[in-house]
Amino acid sequence: MIIKTLPIKDICTDAGTQSRVSLDESVVQEYYEYLTSHEEDLPPVTVFFDGLEYFLADGFHRIMAYQRDGREFIDANLKGGTLRDAVKFSLGANSTHGLKRTTSDKRKSVTTALDDLEWGQLAAREIPRMCDVSHTFVNLIIAERSGAPKKDKPVKLKNVVEAPLEEQPTKDDLPPAKVETFPENDMVQEVLAENEQLKDRLAVAAMDATEEEKELAQETIEELRTTVKNLNLELDAVKKSRDQFQRECAELKKQVKMYQNQLKKAA
């Protein structure tokens, strides 16, 4: 690691290396107050140098706090690399230090990687590693971008009996076994999904956490449930394709056997 003191004015901060959606003013103020009340400096920022320019890849809150304190120099962890290297590094920055990334921050990083002509072609395991997020989170965004079905809105109970009366099957029309059971139809599934959402909200509300942490937990739960639903849809499609292939295979076997019998008779 090479630590070098650089003039802040020489560090480029507007070249697209900021992976956050926005900076938090309260964090800048907190860092500024720390600088004015302590003798030691904040940890070095991360800068990439391509031989001509210095690109800030990590430390935007810190560099703003230094500027607010009227400082002209800042310590930097200097790395050799291009602007593109700085952008790549920034996608996973702040995953283990500094202000915790929001879901929107993570989404921006993943979207940036997917939109890149080169990075977007990487294997599925590489983008989560590059952006330091879970595979589930990346798969969720990929599914959204590919037009996968979104999570259905819960159906209110008042709509359960909206079908015309004449269309409702009578007791005599149904087999005895079905009169006492409730088929797993779409309406039941939607009511069950509504119950799951209610349980999720109650569980989050009971958490011993801040409102921001509860909001993040709720977003994460919703994202995971959407991912599970999309994966189940994909699984159903695969099963249908499998069943179709099996039927076609069975039909082909019958034809082959028939032709074999014809050849035996001809011989």
Protein backbone atom coordinates (compact mmCIF):
# COMPACT_ATOMS: atom_id res chain seq x y z
CA MET A 1 0.00 0.00 0.00
CA ILE A 2 1.36 3.39 -1.01
CA ILE A 3 0.16 6.31 1.10
CA LYS A 4 0.81 9.72 -0.46
CA THR A 5 -0.29 13.20 0.53
CA LEU A 6 -2.04 14.83 -2.42
CA PRO A 7 -3.42 18.33 -3.08
CA ILE A 8 -7.19 18.01 -2.92
CA LYS A 9 -7.57 20.26 -5.97
CA ASP A 10 -5.64 17.70 -8.05
CA ILE A 11 -8.03 14.84 -7.26
CA CYS A 12 -10.84 14.34 -9.79
CA THR A 13 -14.17 13.71 -8.07
CA ASP A 14 -16.60 14.15 -10.97
CA ALA A 15 -15.52 11.45 -13.43
CA GLY A 16 -18.28 8.97 -12.61
CA THR A 17 -16.47 7.12 -9.83
CA GLN A 18 -19.13 7.83 -7.19
CA SER A 19 -21.08 4.60 -6.73
CA ARG A 20 -23.56 6.02 -4.22
CA VAL A 21 -26.87 7.47 -5.30
CA SER A 22 -26.12 10.56 -3.19
CA LEU A 23 -23.87 11.78 -0.38
CA ASP A 24 -25.12 12.09 3.20
CA GLU A 25 -24.67 15.63 4.53
CA SER A 26 -24.89 14.43 8.13
CA VAL A 27 -21.90 12.13 7.57
CA VAL A 28 -19.85 14.97 6.06
CA GLN A 29 -20.67 17.11 9.10
CA GLU A 30 -19.77 14.28 11.47
CA TYR A 31 -16.38 13.84 9.80
CA TYR A 32 -15.81 17.60 9.84
CA GLU A 33 -16.55 17.77 13.56
CA TYR A 34 -14.15 14.90 14.14
CA LEU A 35 -11.38 16.71 12.28
CA THR A 36 -11.90 19.87 14.34
CA SER A 37 -11.85 18.04 17.68
CA HIS A 38 -9.11 15.44 17.14
CA GLU A 39 -5.46 15.67 16.26
CA GLU A 40 -5.39 12.57 14.06
CA ASP A 41 -6.71 12.58 10.50
CA LEU A 42 -9.38 10.39 8.97
CA PRO A 43 -8.29 7.18 7.18
CA PRO A 44 -6.75 7.78 3.72
CA VAL A 45 -9.04 7.98 0.70
CA THR A 46 -8.44 5.68 -2.28
CA VAL A 47 -7.15 7.26 -5.49
CA PHE A 48 -6.21 5.76 -8.87
CA PHE A 49 -3.45 7.44 -10.89
CA ASP A 50 -3.14 6.83 -14.65
CA GLY A 51 0.03 8.87 -15.04
CA LEU A 52 -1.83 12.10 -15.74
CA GLU A 53 -4.85 12.34 -13.44
CA TYR A 54 -5.85 11.25 -9.95
CA PHE A 55 -9.32 9.68 -9.76
CA LEU A 56 -11.08 9.40 -6.40
CA ALA A 57 -12.54 5.89 -6.02
CA ASP A 58 -13.45 5.83 -2.32
CA GLY A 59 -13.71 8.63 0.27
CA PHE A 60 -16.13 11.23 -1.09
CA HIS A 61 -17.55 12.06 2.35
CA ARG A 62 -14.03 12.37 3.79
CA ILE A 63 -12.71 14.64 1.08
CA MET A 64 -15.73 16.96 1.47
CA ALA A 65 -15.11 17.10 5.23
CA TYR A 66 -11.47 18.08 4.59
CA GLN A 67 -12.60 20.83 2.22
CA ARG A 68 -15.12 22.07 4.77
CA ASP A 69 -12.31 22.27 7.31
CA GLY A 70 -10.30 24.40 4.88
CA ARG A 71 -7.62 21.80 4.30
CA GLU A 72 -5.74 21.68 1.02
CA PHE A 73 -4.11 18.26 1.30
CA ILE A 74 -5.30 14.74 2.11
CA ASP A 75 -3.62 11.36 2.54
CA ALA A 76 -4.49 8.88 -0.17
CA ASN A 77 -4.00 5.19 -0.72
CA LEU A 78 -2.52 5.53 -4.19
CA LYS A 79 -3.14 2.82 -6.77
CA GLY A 80 -1.98 2.63 -10.35
CA GLY A 81 -4.82 2.36 -12.82
CA THR A 82 -7.15 4.03 -15.25
CA LEU A 83 -10.47 5.79 -14.74
CA ARG A 84 -12.14 2.48 -15.56
CA ASP A 85 -10.17 0.77 -12.78
CA ALA A 86 -11.33 3.47 -10.36
CA VAL A 87 -14.97 2.94 -11.37
CA LYS A 88 -14.65 -0.82 -10.94
CA PHE A 89 -13.13 -0.37 -7.49
CA SER A 90 -15.88 2.05 -6.46
CA LEU A 91 -18.63 -0.49 -7.21
CA GLY A 92 -17.75 -2.46 -4.09
CA ALA A 93 -16.50 0.42 -1.94
CA ASN A 94 -18.01 1.02 1.53
CA SER A 95 -19.19 -2.57 1.88
CA THR A 96 -17.05 -3.04 5.01
CA HIS A 97 -16.31 0.53 6.20
CA GLY A 98 -17.72 4.03 6.25
CA LEU A 99 -21.41 4.81 5.85
CA LYS A 100 -23.34 1.62 5.20
CA ARG A 101 -24.61 1.39 1.63
CA THR A 102 -28.34 1.62 1.07
CA THR A 103 -30.26 -0.77 -1.13
CA SER A 104 -30.37 1.97 -3.77
CA ASP A 105 -26.58 2.35 -3.58
CA LYS A 106 -26.11 -1.39 -4.13
CA ARG A 107 -28.62 -1.34 -6.98
CA LYS A 108 -26.72 1.49 -8.67
CA SER A 109 -23.46 -0.48 -8.46
CA VAL A 110 -25.00 -3.62 -9.91
CA THR A 111 -26.79 -1.68 -12.67
CA THR A 112 -23.54 0.08 -13.61
CA ALA A 113 -21.79 -3.29 -13.93
CA LEU A 114 -24.63 -4.86 -15.95
CA ASP A 115 -24.79 -1.89 -18.34
CA ASP A 116 -21.07 -2.11 -19.10
CA LEU A 117 -20.33 -3.91 -22.39
CA GLU A 118 -17.51 -5.93 -20.85
CA TRP A 119 -18.59 -6.38 -17.23
CA GLY A 120 -22.14 -7.20 -18.25
CA GLN A 121 -20.84 -10.35 -19.99
CA LEU A 122 -19.05 -11.67 -16.91
CA ALA A 123 -20.07 -14.93 -15.30
CA ALA A 124 -22.92 -14.69 -12.79
CA ARG A 125 -20.57 -15.07 -9.82
CA GLU A 126 -18.28 -12.21 -10.88
CA ILE A 127 -20.71 -9.27 -10.63
CA PRO A 128 -21.74 -10.07 -7.02
CA ARG A 129 -18.05 -10.29 -6.17
CA MET A 130 -17.24 -7.04 -7.98
CA CYS A 131 -20.08 -5.12 -6.31
CA ASP A 132 -19.77 -7.01 -3.02
CA VAL A 133 -23.45 -7.96 -2.91
CA SER A 134 -25.27 -11.29 -2.78
CA HIS A 135 -26.00 -13.44 -5.82
CA THR A 136 -29.68 -13.18 -4.90
CA PHE A 137 -29.58 -9.40 -5.12
CA VAL A 138 -27.96 -9.49 -8.59
CA ASN A 139 -30.40 -12.14 -9.84
CA LEU A 140 -33.30 -10.00 -8.65
CA ILE A 141 -32.12 -7.02 -10.68
CA ILE A 142 -31.44 -9.19 -13.74
CA ALA A 143 -34.96 -10.63 -13.47
CA GLU A 144 -36.47 -7.14 -13.22
CA ARG A 145 -34.53 -5.94 -16.27
CA SER A 146 -35.56 -8.99 -18.30
CA GLY A 147 -39.22 -8.26 -17.67
CA ALA A 148 -39.88 -11.07 -15.20
CA PRO A 149 -43.33 -10.90 -13.59
CA LYS A 150 -43.47 -8.54 -10.66
CA LYS A 151 -44.92 -9.46 -7.30
CA ASP A 152 -48.70 -9.39 -7.48
CA LYS A 153 -50.55 -6.99 -5.25
CA PRO A 154 -52.50 -8.64 -2.43
CA VAL A 155 -56.20 -9.19 -3.17
CA LYS A 156 -58.59 -7.73 -0.63
CA LEU A 157 -60.99 -10.20 0.95
CA LYS A 158 -63.99 -8.20 -0.20
CA ASN A 159 -63.27 -9.34 -3.76
CA VAL A 160 -63.53 -13.01 -2.93
CA VAL A 161 -67.26 -13.24 -3.71
CA GLU A 162 -67.41 -10.93 -6.70
CA ALA A 163 -68.05 -13.73 -9.24
CA PRO A 164 -71.68 -13.86 -10.50
CA LEU A 165 -73.86 -16.21 -8.47
CA GLU A 166 -74.91 -18.26 -11.50
CA GLU A 167 -71.29 -19.11 -12.23
CA GLN A 168 -70.72 -20.62 -8.77
CA PRO A 169 -70.77 -24.43 -8.79
CA THR A 170 -73.50 -26.01 -6.66
CA LYS A 171 -72.95 -28.77 -4.13
CA ASP A 172 -74.49 -31.32 -6.49
CA ASP A 173 -72.03 -30.37 -9.24
CA LEU A 174 -68.98 -31.21 -7.14
CA PRO A 175 -67.59 -34.60 -6.15
CA PRO A 176 -68.12 -35.27 -2.43
CA ALA A 177 -64.39 -35.07 -1.68
CA LYS A 178 -64.14 -31.54 -3.03
CA VAL A 179 -67.03 -30.16 -1.01
CA GLU A 180 -65.01 -30.34 2.21
CA THR A 181 -61.66 -29.13 0.82
CA PHE A 182 -60.31 -25.83 -0.48
CA PRO A 183 -58.34 -26.10 -3.74
CA GLU A 184 -55.02 -24.22 -3.97
CA ASN A 185 -56.34 -21.74 -6.53
CA ASP A 186 -54.99 -18.29 -7.31
CA MET A 187 -57.28 -16.61 -4.79
CA VAL A 188 -56.07 -18.77 -1.93
CA GLN A 189 -52.45 -18.25 -2.95
CA GLU A 190 -52.92 -14.48 -2.98
CA VAL A 191 -54.53 -14.49 0.47
CA LEU A 192 -51.66 -16.62 1.77
CA ALA A 193 -49.19 -14.16 0.26
CA GLU A 194 -51.01 -11.32 2.01
CA ASN A 195 -50.68 -13.19 5.30
CA GLU A 196 -46.95 -13.66 4.68
CA GLN A 197 -46.54 -9.94 4.08
CA LEU A 198 -48.39 -9.18 7.32
CA LYS A 199 -46.13 -11.56 9.27
CA ASP A 200 -43.06 -9.95 7.69
CA ARG A 201 -44.20 -6.46 8.71
CA LEU A 202 -44.96 -7.62 12.26
CA ALA A 203 -41.56 -9.30 12.53
CA VAL A 204 -39.76 -6.17 11.30
CA ALA A 205 -41.78 -3.94 13.64
CA ALA A 206 -40.71 -6.12 16.58
CA MET A 207 -37.02 -5.80 15.73
CA ASP A 208 -34.73 -4.01 18.16
CA ALA A 209 -33.34 -1.71 15.47
CA THR A 210 -33.47 1.82 14.12
CA GLU A 211 -36.14 2.89 11.65
CA GLU A 212 -33.56 2.91 8.85
CA GLU A 213 -32.47 -0.62 9.71
CA LYS A 214 -36.10 -1.76 9.83
CA GLU A 215 -36.77 -0.18 6.44
CA LEU A 216 -33.72 -1.91 4.98
CA ALA A 217 -34.80 -5.23 6.52
CA GLN A 218 -38.28 -4.85 5.01
CA GLU A 219 -36.81 -4.07 1.58
CA THR A 220 -34.51 -7.07 1.82
CA ILE A 221 -37.37 -9.40 2.78
CA GLU A 222 -39.49 -8.16 -0.13
CA GLU A 223 -36.59 -8.56 -2.54
CA LEU A 224 -35.93 -12.10 -1.34
CA ARG A 225 -39.59 -13.09 -1.59
CA THR A 226 -39.76 -11.64 -5.12
CA THR A 227 -36.64 -13.58 -6.05
CA VAL A 228 -38.13 -16.80 -4.67
CA LYS A 229 -41.31 -16.20 -6.65
CA ASN A 230 -39.39 -15.58 -9.86
CA LEU A 231 -37.29 -18.69 -9.30
CA ASN A 232 -40.43 -20.73 -8.74
CA LEU A 233 -41.86 -19.41 -12.01
CA GLU A 234 -38.66 -20.39 -13.80
CA LEU A 235 -38.78 -23.82 -12.14
CA ASP A 236 -42.37 -24.34 -13.29
CA ALA A 237 -41.37 -23.43 -16.84
CA VAL A 238 -38.46 -25.88 -16.72
CA LYS A 239 -40.75 -28.62 -15.40
CA LYS A 240 -43.23 -28.02 -18.23
CA SER A 241 -40.43 -28.17 -20.79
CA ARG A 242 -39.14 -31.36 -19.18
CA ASP A 243 -42.59 -32.96 -19.29
CA GLN A 244 -42.98 -31.98 -22.93
CA PHE A 245 -39.60 -33.48 -23.85
CA GLN A 246 -40.44 -36.66 -21.97
CA ARG A 247 -43.70 -37.00 -23.88
CA GLU A 248 -41.94 -36.42 -27.18
CA CYS A 249 -39.23 -38.90 -26.22
CA ALA A 250 -41.82 -41.54 -25.36
CA GLU A 251 -43.55 -40.96 -28.69
CA LEU A 252 -40.26 -41.27 -30.56
CA LYS A 253 -39.50 -44.53 -28.75
CA LYS A 254 -42.85 -45.91 -29.90
CA GLN A 255 -42.08 -44.95 -33.48
CA VAL A 256 -38.62 -46.49 -33.32
CA LYS A 257 -40.05 -49.73 -31.94
CA MET A 258 -42.67 -49.78 -34.66
CA TYR A 259 -40.03 -49.32 -37.39
CA GLN A 260 -37.89 -52.06 -35.81
CA ASN A 261 -40.82 -54.46 -35.92
CA GLN A 262 -41.48 -53.57 -39.57
CA LEU A 263 -37.84 -54.23 -40.45
CA LYS A 264 -37.94 -57.60 -38.71
CA LYS A 265 -41.04 -58.58 -40.68
CA ALA A 266 -39.48 -57.38 -43.95
CA ALA A 267 -36.34 -59.41 -43.27
